[in-house]
């Protein structure tokens, strides 16, 4: 338990800091109006249309920062705070999600890999929890070690998914910032502020990846110690 605390405290602090930062940056730049008056919806719609993706629909959803792109239905879903508000934060978030639609249209390989891994990762996370509980119930014996070895394989799948997610998200943000300037949705100065919003959001994915890797390291160390 002490080892787990030592390993996880930095990851937990990073996760908390990332969450505070993304919420803080979104709140800050939600108060900074777009010079050209674009709402998140209008920015996303223009990026999609000019990228040849007029068929991609945009829908409003409830919840704060619940914005996401649904690749299976070609639907970009924006929260009301993003869709209706003409702010730098709204434009940045909406453009980022539009970036995912463009990734799919251009057959961005890592996005395809991540999409394929979603059901596998969900199943692996479920199996991992079941096997860990089973191993604890059985006890740390020769037989239970087999359970934990299998559990580690399933955990590794979830870690791989979180790592793959990083470049996908960073690429979507990079595309978003470039297209916002290219299509004249933001000015040269505004894109710097958009970048701050997108960079803070990226930290949440970095924190998630770090936490998953540390969890895997903890179980690997625990597994090795139990065998000795």
Protein backbone atom coordinates (compact mmCIF):
# COMPACT_ATOMS: atom_id res chain seq x y z
CA UNK A 1 0.00 0.00 0.00
CA UNK A 2 2.85 2.40 0.84
CA UNK A 3 4.41 1.75 -2.57
CA UNK A 4 1.07 2.48 -4.26
CA UNK A 5 0.77 5.79 -2.39
CA UNK A 6 4.34 6.77 -3.26
CA UNK A 7 3.77 6.02 -6.94
CA UNK A 8 0.26 7.41 -7.28
CA UNK A 9 0.51 10.67 -5.32
CA UNK A 10 2.44 12.47 -8.10
CA UNK A 11 -0.02 11.15 -10.71
CA UNK A 12 -2.98 12.19 -8.56
CA UNK A 13 -1.55 15.67 -8.07
CA UNK A 14 -0.93 15.97 -11.82
CA UNK A 15 -4.52 14.90 -12.53
CA UNK A 16 -5.93 17.43 -10.05
CA UNK A 17 -3.70 20.19 -11.41
CA UNK A 18 -4.67 19.36 -15.02
CA UNK A 19 -8.37 19.44 -14.14
CA UNK A 20 -8.04 22.77 -12.34
CA UNK A 21 -6.02 24.20 -15.21
CA UNK A 22 -8.41 23.16 -18.00
CA UNK A 23 -11.42 24.47 -16.07
CA UNK A 24 -9.57 27.66 -15.19
CA UNK A 25 -8.46 28.33 -18.75
CA UNK A 26 -11.91 27.57 -20.14
CA UNK A 27 -13.55 29.89 -17.62
CA UNK A 28 -10.98 32.62 -18.28
CA UNK A 29 -11.25 32.56 -22.07
CA UNK A 30 -15.01 32.07 -22.00
CA UNK A 31 -15.04 35.72 -20.97
CA UNK A 32 -12.84 36.78 -23.91
CA UNK A 33 -15.10 37.53 -26.87
CA UNK A 34 -14.24 36.46 -30.38
CA UNK A 35 -13.27 39.54 -32.38
CA UNK A 36 -15.26 38.31 -35.37
CA UNK A 37 -18.19 37.18 -33.24
CA UNK A 38 -17.94 33.46 -33.99
CA UNK A 39 -19.70 31.06 -31.65
CA UNK A 40 -18.36 27.55 -31.18
CA UNK A 41 -21.07 26.22 -33.49
CA UNK A 42 -20.27 28.72 -36.24
CA UNK A 43 -16.53 28.05 -36.00
CA UNK A 44 -16.98 24.28 -36.15
CA UNK A 45 -19.50 24.54 -38.99
CA UNK A 46 -17.20 26.71 -41.08
CA UNK A 47 -14.20 24.44 -40.51
CA UNK A 48 -16.22 21.36 -41.44
CA UNK A 49 -17.80 22.92 -44.53
CA UNK A 50 -14.53 24.33 -45.88
CA UNK A 51 -12.88 20.96 -45.25
CA UNK A 52 -15.48 19.20 -47.39
CA UNK A 53 -17.34 17.76 -44.43
CA UNK A 54 -20.75 19.38 -44.83
CA UNK A 55 -22.35 16.00 -44.13
CA UNK A 56 -21.04 16.02 -40.54
CA UNK A 57 -23.85 17.19 -38.26
CA UNK A 58 -23.47 19.34 -35.16
CA UNK A 59 -25.73 18.68 -32.18
CA UNK A 60 -26.04 20.31 -28.77
CA UNK A 61 -25.63 18.20 -25.64
CA UNK A 62 -26.00 18.94 -21.96
CA UNK A 63 -23.14 19.16 -19.52
CA UNK A 64 -20.08 21.35 -19.09
CA UNK A 65 -17.18 20.43 -21.38
CA UNK A 66 -19.10 17.38 -22.62
CA UNK A 67 -18.04 18.17 -26.18
CA UNK A 68 -16.97 15.25 -28.37
CA UNK A 69 -16.97 13.85 -31.88
CA UNK A 70 -18.93 10.66 -32.55
CA UNK A 71 -17.11 8.94 -35.45
CA UNK A 72 -19.65 6.13 -35.78
CA UNK A 73 -22.46 8.59 -36.60
CA UNK A 74 -20.45 11.47 -38.07
CA UNK A 75 -21.83 13.82 -35.44
CA UNK A 76 -19.99 16.57 -33.60
CA UNK A 77 -21.65 17.20 -30.23
CA UNK A 78 -21.12 20.53 -28.48
CA UNK A 79 -22.20 21.66 -25.04
CA UNK A 80 -24.38 24.76 -24.93
CA UNK A 81 -21.56 26.77 -23.31
CA UNK A 82 -19.47 26.05 -26.39
CA UNK A 83 -22.08 25.97 -29.13
CA UNK A 84 -23.84 29.26 -28.36
CA UNK A 85 -21.13 31.47 -26.89
CA UNK A 86 -18.90 33.71 -29.10
CA UNK A 87 -15.72 33.31 -27.07
CA UNK A 88 -12.12 32.21 -27.58
CA UNK A 89 -12.69 29.18 -25.35
CA UNK A 90 -15.77 28.08 -27.30
CA UNK A 91 -14.02 28.43 -30.64
CA UNK A 92 -11.01 26.45 -29.42
CA UNK A 93 -13.02 23.54 -28.04
CA UNK A 94 -15.34 23.37 -31.06
CA UNK A 95 -12.44 23.53 -33.51
CA UNK A 96 -10.66 20.75 -31.64
CA UNK A 97 -13.66 18.44 -32.03
CA UNK A 98 -13.90 19.40 -35.71
CA UNK A 99 -10.26 18.35 -35.91
CA UNK A 100 -11.28 14.81 -35.00
CA UNK A 101 -13.80 14.77 -37.86
CA UNK A 102 -11.04 15.85 -40.23
CA UNK A 103 -8.77 13.12 -38.86
CA UNK A 104 -11.39 10.54 -39.71
CA UNK A 105 -11.95 11.98 -43.19
CA UNK A 106 -8.22 11.87 -43.89
CA UNK A 107 -7.89 8.34 -42.47
CA UNK A 108 -5.51 9.40 -39.73
CA UNK A 109 -4.09 6.04 -38.70
CA UNK A 110 -3.84 6.61 -34.95
CA UNK A 111 -7.47 7.71 -34.75
CA UNK A 112 -8.49 4.53 -36.54
CA UNK A 113 -6.40 2.49 -34.11
CA UNK A 114 -7.94 4.25 -31.12
CA UNK A 115 -11.46 3.69 -32.41
CA UNK A 116 -10.72 0.01 -32.94
CA UNK A 117 -9.33 -0.26 -29.41
CA UNK A 118 -12.37 1.29 -27.67
CA UNK A 119 -14.41 -1.94 -27.25
CA UNK A 120 -11.25 -3.94 -26.56
CA UNK A 121 -10.17 -1.46 -23.89
CA UNK A 122 -13.59 -1.42 -22.22
CA UNK A 123 -13.58 -5.22 -22.10
CA UNK A 124 -9.98 -5.32 -20.85
CA UNK A 125 -10.72 -2.88 -18.01
CA UNK A 126 -13.68 -5.01 -16.92
CA UNK A 127 -11.70 -8.27 -17.07
CA UNK A 128 -8.76 -6.70 -15.23
CA UNK A 129 -10.94 -5.70 -12.28
CA UNK A 130 -12.58 -9.13 -12.14
CA UNK A 131 -9.23 -10.96 -12.21
CA UNK A 132 -7.67 -8.73 -9.55
CA UNK A 133 -10.62 -9.36 -7.23
CA UNK A 134 -10.44 -13.09 -7.99
CA UNK A 135 -6.73 -13.11 -7.25
CA UNK A 136 -7.27 -11.37 -3.92
CA UNK A 137 -10.02 -13.83 -2.97
CA UNK A 138 -7.86 -16.82 -3.89
CA UNK A 139 -4.84 -15.35 -2.15
CA UNK A 140 -1.26 -14.79 -3.21
CA UNK A 141 -0.49 -18.42 -4.00
CA UNK A 142 1.13 -20.17 -6.95
CA UNK A 143 -2.28 -20.54 -8.59
CA UNK A 144 -3.36 -16.92 -8.11
CA UNK A 145 -0.15 -15.70 -9.74
CA UNK A 146 -1.50 -17.03 -13.01
CA UNK A 147 -4.56 -14.81 -12.57
CA UNK A 148 -2.48 -11.72 -11.94
CA UNK A 149 -0.26 -12.43 -14.93
CA UNK A 150 -3.33 -12.50 -17.17
CA UNK A 151 -4.71 -9.43 -15.41
CA UNK A 152 -1.52 -7.51 -16.22
CA UNK A 153 -1.97 -8.26 -19.91
CA UNK A 154 -5.46 -6.77 -19.86
CA UNK A 155 -4.20 -3.77 -17.87
CA UNK A 156 -1.48 -3.22 -20.46
CA UNK A 157 -4.18 -2.90 -23.14
CA UNK A 158 -5.84 -0.03 -21.24
CA UNK A 159 -2.45 1.64 -20.75
CA UNK A 160 -1.70 1.34 -24.47
CA UNK A 161 -5.06 2.97 -25.24
CA UNK A 162 -4.35 5.95 -22.99
CA UNK A 163 -0.92 6.40 -24.59
CA UNK A 164 -2.35 6.22 -28.13
CA UNK A 165 -4.94 8.83 -27.16
CA UNK A 166 -2.24 11.47 -26.56
CA UNK A 167 -1.01 11.97 -30.15
CA UNK A 168 -4.60 11.76 -31.43
CA UNK A 169 -5.69 14.63 -29.20
CA UNK A 170 -2.57 16.71 -29.84
CA UNK A 171 -2.98 16.27 -33.58
CA UNK A 172 -6.63 17.38 -33.43
CA UNK A 173 -5.61 20.51 -31.52
CA UNK A 174 -2.82 21.24 -33.99
CA UNK A 175 -5.23 20.96 -36.92
CA UNK A 176 -7.77 23.14 -35.11
CA UNK A 177 -5.37 25.99 -34.43
CA UNK A 178 -4.03 25.93 -38.00
CA UNK A 179 -7.47 25.94 -39.62
CA UNK A 180 -8.84 28.66 -37.36
CA UNK A 181 -6.14 30.96 -38.71
CA UNK A 182 -6.31 29.67 -42.27
CA UNK A 183 -10.05 30.28 -42.52
CA UNK A 184 -9.85 33.66 -40.81
CA UNK A 185 -12.00 32.64 -37.86
CA UNK A 186 -9.45 34.04 -35.40
CA UNK A 187 -6.75 36.67 -35.75
CA UNK A 188 -3.03 36.04 -35.33
CA UNK A 189 -3.14 37.25 -31.74
CA UNK A 190 -6.27 35.28 -30.86
CA UNK A 191 -4.74 31.99 -31.94
CA UNK A 192 -2.23 32.29 -29.08
CA UNK A 193 -5.10 32.36 -26.59
CA UNK A 194 -6.79 29.45 -28.37
CA UNK A 195 -3.51 27.56 -28.02
CA UNK A 196 -3.54 28.07 -24.26
CA UNK A 197 -7.03 26.60 -24.01
CA UNK A 198 -6.06 23.60 -26.14
CA UNK A 199 -2.76 23.05 -24.30
CA UNK A 200 -4.52 22.99 -20.94
CA UNK A 201 -6.96 20.40 -22.26
CA UNK A 202 -4.03 18.28 -23.48
CA UNK A 203 -2.70 18.13 -19.93
CA UNK A 204 -5.71 16.06 -18.86
CA UNK A 205 -4.75 13.37 -21.36
CA UNK A 206 -1.12 13.48 -20.27
CA UNK A 207 -2.22 13.06 -16.66
CA UNK A 208 -4.48 10.13 -17.58
CA UNK A 209 -1.67 8.41 -19.48
CA UNK A 210 0.76 8.96 -16.60
CA UNK A 211 -1.70 7.52 -14.09
CA UNK A 212 -2.31 4.42 -16.18
CA UNK A 213 1.41 3.81 -16.70
CA UNK A 214 2.12 4.21 -12.98
CA UNK A 215 -0.69 1.80 -12.14
CA UNK A 216 0.83 -0.78 -14.49
CA UNK A 217 4.28 -0.26 -12.92
CA UNK A 218 2.79 -0.73 -9.45
CA UNK A 219 1.20 -4.06 -10.36
CA UNK A 220 4.34 -5.23 -12.16
CA UNK A 221 6.41 -4.51 -9.04
CA UNK A 222 3.78 -6.14 -6.85
CA UNK A 223 3.65 -9.19 -9.09
CA UNK A 224 7.42 -9.54 -9.02
CA UNK A 225 7.56 -9.17 -5.24
CA UNK A 226 4.84 -11.77 -4.72
CA UNK A 227 6.76 -14.31 -6.76
CA UNK A 228 9.93 -13.93 -4.67
